[in-house]
Every structure is written in C-alpha cells, then in structure tokens.
C-alpha cells in the first residue's frame, strides 16, 4: 500500500547496462494508476522519457563532492 516508489539512480543503472530498459518500461506500464513512480538519475533513455508523465531536468550548481566531502552511506549510496 504505497502511493510513491522512488527508483533512485535507475536511469544511470539502465545506462550502465545493470538494469534492462525493457524491464523498467514494463514496470511503468504495469504500475497501478494510484502509484507515483519516480525514476532518478542521469542519461534517461528516450523510451523511458516517452513513457513518463512528467520529466524534469536538474542542473548541478554546487556539489559537496567537489569540496572533498565523501559520499555518505544512506544518502549517496
């Protein structure tokens, strides 16, 4: 009984070949109408973009990694 599921960095995983794009498209197709499915990550495939109801592109302005701050467990991985 969830109304939102977030697949964090799934687009990047698809781009790297770790997840099959067809499986993601099938998930989008079969999700209940009441479920908000959020896919994040760079390099979204055109097929995924075409299947989405909403597509947002974000632009990095500042990132802690560039200041030497390491990735945090539970936040960045």
N, C-alpha and C. Protein backbone atom coordinates (compact mmCIF):
# COMPACT_ATOMS: atom_id res chain seq x y z
N UNK A 1 0.81 -1.19 0.00
CA UNK A 1 0.00 0.00 0.00
C UNK A 1 0.85 1.25 0.00
N UNK A 2 1.58 1.46 -1.05
CA UNK A 2 2.41 2.65 -1.20
C UNK A 2 1.78 3.55 -2.25
N UNK A 3 1.93 4.86 -2.07
CA UNK A 3 1.46 5.75 -3.12
C UNK A 3 2.61 6.38 -3.89
N UNK A 4 3.85 6.12 -3.42
CA UNK A 4 5.03 6.59 -4.15
C UNK A 4 6.17 5.58 -3.98
N UNK A 5 6.84 5.29 -5.08
CA UNK A 5 8.03 4.44 -5.08
C UNK A 5 9.10 5.20 -5.85
N UNK A 6 10.27 5.35 -5.23
CA UNK A 6 11.37 6.08 -5.85
C UNK A 6 12.47 5.10 -6.23
N UNK A 7 12.77 5.04 -7.50
CA UNK A 7 13.84 4.19 -8.02
C UNK A 7 15.05 5.10 -8.23
N UNK A 8 15.79 5.31 -7.15
CA UNK A 8 16.90 6.27 -7.17
C UNK A 8 18.03 5.78 -8.07
N UNK A 9 18.45 6.63 -8.99
CA UNK A 9 19.55 6.38 -9.94
C UNK A 9 19.26 5.23 -10.91
N UNK A 10 18.00 4.89 -11.10
CA UNK A 10 17.65 3.80 -12.02
C UNK A 10 18.05 4.13 -13.46
N UNK A 11 17.93 5.38 -13.86
CA UNK A 11 18.31 5.75 -15.23
C UNK A 11 19.80 5.53 -15.46
N UNK A 12 20.60 5.85 -14.47
CA UNK A 12 22.04 5.62 -14.57
C UNK A 12 22.34 4.12 -14.65
N UNK A 13 21.63 3.33 -13.84
CA UNK A 13 21.81 1.88 -13.85
C UNK A 13 21.43 1.29 -15.21
N UNK A 14 20.37 1.80 -15.81
CA UNK A 14 19.97 1.35 -17.15
C UNK A 14 21.06 1.72 -18.15
N UNK A 15 21.57 2.93 -18.07
CA UNK A 15 22.61 3.39 -18.98
C UNK A 15 23.87 2.52 -18.89
N UNK A 16 24.20 2.05 -17.68
CA UNK A 16 25.37 1.20 -17.48
C UNK A 16 25.12 -0.26 -17.86
N UNK A 17 23.87 -0.60 -18.17
CA UNK A 17 23.53 -1.97 -18.51
C UNK A 17 23.27 -2.86 -17.31
N UNK A 18 23.15 -2.28 -16.12
CA UNK A 18 22.90 -3.05 -14.91
C UNK A 18 21.42 -3.45 -14.80
N UNK A 19 20.56 -2.66 -15.41
CA UNK A 19 19.12 -2.90 -15.42
C UNK A 19 18.65 -2.80 -16.86
N UNK A 20 17.79 -3.72 -17.27
CA UNK A 20 17.29 -3.75 -18.63
C UNK A 20 16.20 -2.70 -18.83
N UNK A 21 16.32 -1.89 -19.86
CA UNK A 21 15.34 -0.83 -20.13
C UNK A 21 13.95 -1.41 -20.34
N UNK A 22 13.85 -2.59 -20.93
CA UNK A 22 12.54 -3.21 -21.16
C UNK A 22 11.85 -3.53 -19.84
N UNK A 23 12.61 -3.93 -18.83
CA UNK A 23 12.03 -4.21 -17.51
C UNK A 23 11.48 -2.94 -16.87
N UNK A 24 12.20 -1.84 -17.02
CA UNK A 24 11.74 -0.56 -16.47
C UNK A 24 10.47 -0.12 -17.20
N UNK A 25 10.45 -0.25 -18.51
CA UNK A 25 9.26 0.13 -19.28
C UNK A 25 8.06 -0.72 -18.89
N UNK A 26 8.29 -2.00 -18.63
CA UNK A 26 7.21 -2.90 -18.20
C UNK A 26 6.69 -2.49 -16.83
N UNK A 27 7.59 -2.11 -15.94
CA UNK A 27 7.20 -1.64 -14.61
C UNK A 27 6.34 -0.38 -14.71
N UNK A 28 6.74 0.54 -15.58
CA UNK A 28 5.96 1.76 -15.79
C UNK A 28 4.57 1.41 -16.32
N UNK A 29 4.54 0.50 -17.27
CA UNK A 29 3.28 0.11 -17.92
C UNK A 29 2.33 -0.58 -16.94
N UNK A 30 2.86 -1.40 -16.04
CA UNK A 30 2.02 -2.22 -15.17
C UNK A 30 1.72 -1.60 -13.81
N UNK A 31 2.30 -0.46 -13.52
CA UNK A 31 2.09 0.15 -12.20
C UNK A 31 0.62 0.54 -12.02
N UNK A 32 0.11 0.43 -10.80
CA UNK A 32 -1.27 0.88 -10.55
C UNK A 32 -1.41 2.38 -10.82
N UNK A 33 -2.58 2.79 -11.23
CA UNK A 33 -2.82 4.21 -11.53
C UNK A 33 -2.63 5.09 -10.31
N UNK A 34 -2.80 4.52 -9.13
CA UNK A 34 -2.67 5.30 -7.89
C UNK A 34 -1.23 5.43 -7.41
N UNK A 35 -0.30 4.75 -8.07
CA UNK A 35 1.11 4.76 -7.66
C UNK A 35 1.88 5.84 -8.41
N UNK A 36 2.59 6.66 -7.67
CA UNK A 36 3.52 7.62 -8.27
C UNK A 36 4.89 6.96 -8.30
N UNK A 37 5.40 6.74 -9.49
CA UNK A 37 6.69 6.08 -9.68
C UNK A 37 7.70 7.14 -10.09
N UNK A 38 8.74 7.31 -9.29
CA UNK A 38 9.76 8.33 -9.53
C UNK A 38 11.06 7.64 -9.93
N UNK A 39 11.57 7.98 -11.10
CA UNK A 39 12.83 7.45 -11.58
C UNK A 39 13.84 8.58 -11.59
N UNK A 40 15.00 8.36 -10.98
CA UNK A 40 16.02 9.41 -10.95
C UNK A 40 17.27 8.93 -11.66
N UNK A 41 18.18 9.87 -11.89
CA UNK A 41 19.48 9.55 -12.47
C UNK A 41 19.67 10.16 -13.84
N UNK A 42 20.93 10.31 -14.18
CA UNK A 42 21.31 10.86 -15.48
C UNK A 42 21.09 9.85 -16.59
N UNK A 43 21.12 10.35 -17.81
CA UNK A 43 21.12 9.53 -19.03
C UNK A 43 19.84 8.72 -19.21
N UNK A 44 18.69 9.31 -18.93
CA UNK A 44 17.42 8.60 -19.14
C UNK A 44 17.27 8.26 -20.62
N UNK A 45 16.91 7.03 -20.89
CA UNK A 45 16.69 6.58 -22.26
C UNK A 45 15.44 7.25 -22.83
N UNK A 46 15.46 7.48 -24.13
CA UNK A 46 14.34 8.14 -24.80
C UNK A 46 13.04 7.38 -24.57
N UNK A 47 13.11 6.04 -24.55
CA UNK A 47 11.91 5.23 -24.34
C UNK A 47 11.29 5.49 -22.97
N UNK A 48 12.15 5.66 -21.97
CA UNK A 48 11.66 5.94 -20.61
C UNK A 48 11.05 7.34 -20.57
N UNK A 49 11.72 8.30 -21.17
CA UNK A 49 11.19 9.67 -21.21
C UNK A 49 9.83 9.68 -21.89
N UNK A 50 9.69 8.96 -22.99
CA UNK A 50 8.42 8.92 -23.71
C UNK A 50 7.31 8.25 -22.91
N UNK A 51 7.66 7.35 -22.01
CA UNK A 51 6.67 6.64 -21.19
C UNK A 51 6.27 7.42 -19.94
N UNK A 52 7.01 8.46 -19.62
CA UNK A 52 6.77 9.21 -18.39
C UNK A 52 5.66 10.24 -18.56
N UNK A 53 5.00 10.54 -17.44
CA UNK A 53 4.01 11.63 -17.43
C UNK A 53 4.68 12.97 -17.19
N UNK A 54 5.78 12.97 -16.45
CA UNK A 54 6.49 14.19 -16.09
C UNK A 54 7.99 13.93 -16.18
N UNK A 55 8.70 14.82 -16.83
CA UNK A 55 10.16 14.72 -16.94
C UNK A 55 10.74 16.06 -16.49
N UNK A 56 11.67 15.99 -15.56
CA UNK A 56 12.34 17.18 -15.05
C UNK A 56 13.83 17.00 -15.22
N UNK A 57 14.49 18.04 -15.70
CA UNK A 57 15.95 18.01 -15.83
C UNK A 57 16.53 18.97 -14.79
N UNK A 58 17.46 18.45 -14.00
CA UNK A 58 18.10 19.26 -12.97
C UNK A 58 19.50 19.64 -13.40
N UNK A 59 19.96 20.77 -12.94
CA UNK A 59 21.29 21.26 -13.26
C UNK A 59 22.07 21.42 -11.96
N UNK A 60 23.26 20.82 -11.91
CA UNK A 60 24.10 20.95 -10.73
C UNK A 60 24.67 22.37 -10.64
N UNK A 61 24.48 22.98 -9.50
CA UNK A 61 25.05 24.30 -9.22
C UNK A 61 26.26 24.14 -8.30
N UNK A 62 26.10 23.30 -7.30
CA UNK A 62 27.15 23.09 -6.31
C UNK A 62 27.01 21.66 -5.79
N UNK A 63 28.14 20.99 -5.57
CA UNK A 63 28.09 19.61 -5.08
C UNK A 63 29.17 19.40 -4.04
N UNK A 64 28.85 18.76 -2.91
CA UNK A 64 29.84 18.57 -1.85
C UNK A 64 31.04 17.73 -2.27
N UNK A 65 30.88 16.83 -3.22
CA UNK A 65 32.00 16.01 -3.67
C UNK A 65 33.14 16.88 -4.20
N UNK A 66 32.79 17.99 -4.84
CA UNK A 66 33.81 18.87 -5.41
C UNK A 66 34.59 19.63 -4.34
N UNK A 67 34.07 19.62 -3.11
CA UNK A 67 34.77 20.25 -1.98
C UNK A 67 35.53 19.22 -1.16
N UNK A 68 35.56 17.98 -1.65
CA UNK A 68 36.28 16.93 -0.95
C UNK A 68 35.46 16.17 0.07
N UNK A 69 34.17 16.47 0.17
CA UNK A 69 33.30 15.75 1.09
C UNK A 69 32.93 14.41 0.45
N UNK A 70 33.16 13.33 1.18
CA UNK A 70 32.93 11.99 0.64
C UNK A 70 31.45 11.63 0.68
N UNK A 71 31.09 10.63 -0.14
CA UNK A 71 29.72 10.14 -0.19
C UNK A 71 29.31 9.60 1.18
N UNK A 72 28.05 9.84 1.53
CA UNK A 72 27.53 9.43 2.83
C UNK A 72 26.61 8.22 2.67
N UNK A 73 26.87 7.19 3.48
CA UNK A 73 26.04 5.99 3.45
C UNK A 73 24.61 6.37 3.82
N UNK A 74 23.66 5.87 3.05
CA UNK A 74 22.26 6.16 3.29
C UNK A 74 21.77 7.41 2.57
N UNK A 75 22.70 8.21 2.09
CA UNK A 75 22.34 9.41 1.34
C UNK A 75 22.79 9.28 -0.12
N UNK A 76 24.07 9.02 -0.31
CA UNK A 76 24.64 8.94 -1.66
C UNK A 76 24.77 7.51 -2.18
N UNK A 77 24.69 6.54 -1.29
CA UNK A 77 24.73 5.14 -1.71
C UNK A 77 24.04 4.28 -0.69
